[in-house]
Protein backbone atom coordinates (compact mmCIF):
# COMPACT_ATOMS: atom_id res chain seq x y z
CA MET A 1 -10.80 -0.25 14.80
CA ALA A 2 -13.63 0.65 17.19
CA PHE A 3 -16.02 -1.99 18.54
CA THR A 4 -19.57 -1.55 19.75
CA ILE A 5 -20.61 -2.55 23.28
CA ARG A 6 -22.46 -5.57 21.87
CA GLN A 7 -19.37 -6.69 19.94
CA LYS A 8 -17.22 -6.38 23.06
CA ILE A 9 -19.70 -8.42 25.13
CA ASN A 10 -19.90 -11.10 22.43
CA THR A 11 -16.11 -11.29 22.23
CA ILE A 12 -15.73 -11.66 26.00
CA SER A 13 -18.42 -14.33 26.09
CA LYS A 14 -16.72 -16.24 23.30
CA LEU A 15 -13.35 -16.09 25.08
CA PHE A 16 -14.81 -17.56 28.25
CA SER A 17 -16.38 -20.35 26.22
CA GLU A 18 -12.92 -21.14 24.74
CA PRO A 19 -10.63 -21.52 27.79
CA LYS A 20 -7.65 -22.68 25.71
CA VAL A 21 -7.79 -19.54 23.57
CA LEU A 22 -8.18 -17.36 26.66
CA SER A 23 -5.24 -19.08 28.35
CA ALA A 24 -3.05 -18.58 25.27
CA LEU A 25 -3.91 -14.88 25.13
CA LEU A 26 -3.30 -14.35 28.85
CA SER A 27 0.07 -16.09 28.64
CA GLN A 28 1.23 -13.45 26.15
CA ARG A 29 1.03 -10.81 28.87
CA ASP A 30 4.16 -12.00 30.65
CA PHE A 31 5.89 -14.63 28.55
CA GLY A 32 4.91 -14.40 24.87
CA TYR A 33 5.96 -12.53 21.77
CA LEU A 34 3.80 -9.50 22.51
CA ASN A 35 5.48 -9.10 25.86
CA ASP A 36 8.95 -9.62 24.41
CA ILE A 37 8.58 -6.81 21.86
CA GLY A 38 7.02 -4.38 24.32
CA TRP A 39 3.61 -4.37 22.66
CA PHE A 40 1.75 -4.13 25.96
CA LYS A 41 3.87 -1.17 27.07
CA SER A 42 3.04 0.63 23.82
CA PHE A 43 -0.63 -0.21 24.20
CA LEU A 44 -0.86 1.05 27.78
CA ALA A 45 1.24 4.17 27.15
CA GLN A 46 -0.48 4.90 23.82
CA LYS A 47 2.86 5.64 22.22
CA SER A 48 5.44 3.77 20.20
CA ILE A 49 8.04 2.32 22.58
CA ASP A 50 9.97 -0.93 22.90
CA VAL A 51 10.18 -3.33 25.82
CA ASN A 52 12.68 -1.01 27.55
CA GLU A 53 10.42 2.01 26.92
CA ASN A 54 12.77 3.47 24.33
CA PRO A 55 11.13 5.30 21.38
CA ILE A 56 10.60 3.33 18.17
CA PRO A 57 8.83 4.14 14.87
CA TRP A 58 5.19 3.23 14.38
CA PHE A 59 6.23 0.79 11.66
CA THR A 60 5.53 -2.93 11.62
CA TYR A 61 7.77 -4.86 13.97
CA PRO A 62 9.28 -6.96 11.14
CA PHE A 63 10.39 -3.78 9.39
CA ILE A 64 11.87 -2.28 12.56
CA ASP A 65 13.90 -5.48 13.02
CA PHE A 66 15.00 -5.34 9.39
CA LEU A 67 15.93 -1.65 9.35
CA SER A 68 17.64 -1.11 12.71
CA PRO A 69 20.94 -2.95 12.07
CA ARG A 70 21.29 -1.33 8.64
CA LEU A 71 21.35 2.26 9.89
CA ASN A 72 24.64 4.08 10.51
CA LYS A 73 26.05 7.47 11.37
CA ASN A 74 26.90 8.30 7.75
CA LEU A 75 23.24 8.58 6.76
CA ILE A 76 21.00 11.65 6.50
CA LEU A 77 17.33 10.93 6.98
CA PHE A 78 14.29 13.03 6.09
CA GLU A 79 10.79 12.24 7.37
CA PHE A 80 7.37 13.56 6.53
CA GLY A 81 5.77 13.26 9.95
CA SER A 82 7.64 13.43 13.27
CA GLY A 83 7.28 11.56 16.56
CA ASN A 84 9.04 8.79 18.43
CA SER A 85 10.53 7.77 15.10
CA THR A 86 12.44 11.08 15.12
CA LEU A 87 14.04 10.24 18.46
CA PHE A 88 14.72 6.66 17.40
CA PHE A 89 16.49 7.66 14.20
CA SER A 90 18.47 10.49 15.81
CA ASP A 91 20.41 7.89 17.79
CA LYS A 92 21.25 5.86 14.69
CA VAL A 93 21.98 8.28 11.81
CA ARG A 94 24.03 11.44 11.35
CA LYS A 95 21.14 13.85 10.91
CA VAL A 96 17.34 13.78 10.95
CA ILE A 97 15.16 16.39 9.28
CA SER A 98 11.47 16.15 10.15
CA ILE A 99 8.41 17.97 8.83
CA GLU A 100 5.44 18.30 11.18
CA HIS A 101 2.04 19.94 10.54
CA ASN A 102 0.52 19.51 14.02
CA LYS A 103 1.62 22.35 16.31
CA GLU A 104 0.89 20.51 19.55
CA TRP A 105 2.78 17.43 18.41
CA TYR A 106 5.62 19.62 17.14
CA GLN A 107 5.99 21.17 20.59
CA ILE A 108 6.08 17.75 22.27
CA VAL A 109 8.80 16.42 19.96
CA ASN A 110 10.73 19.71 20.00
CA ILE A 111 11.21 19.57 23.77
CA SER A 112 13.10 16.29 23.68
CA LYS A 113 14.81 16.43 20.29
CA PRO A 114 18.63 16.04 20.30
CA SER A 115 21.05 18.35 18.54
CA ASN A 116 21.23 16.34 15.30
CA VAL A 117 17.49 16.79 14.65
CA GLU A 118 16.06 19.64 12.60
CA LEU A 119 12.32 19.87 13.23
CA ILE A 120 10.18 22.10 11.00
CA LEU A 121 6.59 23.17 11.66
CA THR A 122 4.67 23.79 8.44
CA LYS A 123 2.65 26.96 7.90
CA SER A 124 -0.46 24.95 7.06
CA GLU A 125 -1.62 21.49 6.04
CA LYS A 126 -1.75 22.44 2.36
CA VAL A 127 0.44 20.31 0.15
CA ASN A 128 2.64 23.21 -1.01
CA ASP A 129 3.37 24.33 2.55
CA TYR A 130 3.94 20.74 3.65
CA GLN A 131 6.56 20.21 0.95
CA ASN A 132 8.06 23.69 0.94
CA TYR A 133 11.13 23.04 3.09
CA PHE A 134 11.84 19.78 1.32
CA SER A 135 11.87 21.65 -2.00
CA ILE A 136 14.63 24.04 -0.92
CA LEU A 137 16.97 21.46 0.62
CA ASN A 138 20.50 22.08 -0.61
CA ASN A 139 21.77 18.55 -0.10
CA LYS A 140 20.23 15.25 -1.03
CA VAL A 141 19.29 12.73 1.64
CA ASP A 142 19.78 8.98 1.97
CA ILE A 143 16.47 7.90 3.50
CA ILE A 144 13.08 9.52 3.03
CA ILE A 145 10.19 8.39 5.20
CA VAL A 146 6.64 9.12 4.08
CA ASP A 147 4.37 8.81 7.09
CA GLY A 148 2.37 12.02 7.28
CA LEU A 149 0.06 14.09 5.08
CA HIS A 150 -0.20 14.04 1.27
CA ARG A 151 1.59 10.72 0.92
CA ASN A 152 1.11 10.31 -2.83
CA GLU A 153 2.54 13.77 -3.46
CA CYS A 154 5.40 13.15 -1.03
CA LEU A 155 6.34 9.88 -2.71
CA ILE A 156 6.52 11.66 -6.04
CA LYS A 157 8.45 14.61 -4.62
CA ALA A 158 10.89 12.35 -2.78
CA CYS A 159 12.71 11.37 -5.97
CA GLU A 160 13.94 14.95 -6.42
CA LYS A 161 15.99 14.97 -3.22
CA LEU A 162 17.02 11.33 -2.89
CA SER A 163 20.73 10.54 -3.04
CA GLU A 164 22.10 8.15 -5.62
CA ARG A 165 22.00 5.28 -3.09
CA GLY A 166 18.87 6.52 -1.36
CA VAL A 167 15.76 4.59 -0.32
CA ILE A 168 12.15 5.57 0.39
CA ILE A 169 10.00 4.15 3.18
CA LEU A 170 6.20 4.27 3.10
CA ASP A 171 4.18 3.31 6.14
CA ASP A 172 0.61 1.97 5.89
CA SER A 173 1.43 0.91 2.35
CA GLU A 174 -1.43 -1.59 2.29
CA ARG A 175 -3.85 1.31 1.77
CA VAL A 176 -5.09 1.51 -1.81
CA GLU A 177 -5.19 5.31 -1.68
CA TYR A 178 -1.38 5.37 -1.93
CA SER A 179 -1.24 3.35 -5.14
CA ARG A 180 -0.73 6.45 -7.29
CA GLY A 181 2.50 7.37 -5.51
CA MET A 182 3.74 3.79 -5.52
CA LYS A 183 3.03 3.45 -9.23
CA PHE A 184 5.17 6.53 -9.85
CA LEU A 185 8.10 4.95 -7.97
CA PHE A 186 7.79 1.75 -10.02
CA GLN A 187 7.98 3.84 -13.18
CA LYS A 188 11.19 5.39 -11.83
CA GLY A 189 12.75 1.95 -11.50
CA PHE A 190 12.28 1.31 -7.79
CA LYS A 191 11.74 -2.17 -6.41
CA ARG A 192 9.55 -2.77 -3.37
CA LEU A 193 9.92 -4.91 -0.29
CA ASP A 194 6.82 -5.24 1.92
CA PHE A 195 6.90 -5.97 5.63
CA PHE A 196 3.49 -7.04 6.90
CA GLY A 197 2.75 -7.45 10.57
CA ILE A 198 1.46 -5.69 13.65
CA SER A 199 2.79 -2.39 14.98
CA PRO A 200 3.32 -0.97 18.48
CA GLY A 201 0.05 -0.86 20.40
CA TYR A 202 -2.11 -2.20 17.56
CA LEU A 203 -3.05 -5.75 16.57
CA TYR A 204 -4.41 -5.26 13.07
CA LYS A 205 -2.30 -6.29 10.09
CA LYS A 206 -0.57 -3.45 8.23
CA SER A 207 2.47 -2.98 6.02
CA THR A 208 5.59 -0.85 5.91
CA THR A 209 7.29 -0.87 2.51
CA LEU A 210 10.84 -0.16 1.40
CA PHE A 211 11.41 1.22 -2.10
CA TYR A 212 14.97 0.78 -3.31
CA LYS A 213 17.31 0.36 -6.27
CA ASP A 214 20.51 -1.63 -6.63
CA ASN A 215 23.57 -0.51 -4.64
CA ASN A 216 21.42 1.27 -2.05
CA CYS A 217 22.55 2.63 1.31
CA LEU A 218 20.88 -0.21 3.23
CA ASN A 219 22.66 -2.90 1.21
CA VAL A 220 19.43 -4.63 0.23
């Protein structure tokens, strides 16, 4: 969220008129929750990293805490949209398959990707090209992450390649424009579990949602 110069000046003036609030905010820099989770490092680096500067997904922190201990090396994960999440998951699951539409971002991730990551650059941003590789997958996958383009279409398409115990993760699920895809998953019998909170480098409230059925691979 961008602020005007006037808004920034008014905010600074208000902080100085409320010394207790200012003191509480300043204390977070070295001793509070934001420091503990590495939020300041993400903010300054403009990338999603933890307190030790290791890559993490741009999910809400509550969801990262929930998901991390449930991952294992038996799982195959597919993500619409690559990034630090790709590197994070590669260390925790057997294989990661990522679709990326941005050539520059693809090249950045491709340089550092480990051997268990398959990274695909789409021909264009059109929905058919974006979903093309997913459509011809031979094997089903356990976790599908929807965090890129055409999210409604990807949520709908995800059901075709999801394993019997598979789950679907949607980031920014608070946005009303994704309601069509979520409604489709409800009709297919999925339950939802929302994780609201802040995410690396940002302080606004957002949500990452898990869609699952009974006897799923995350044991929810």
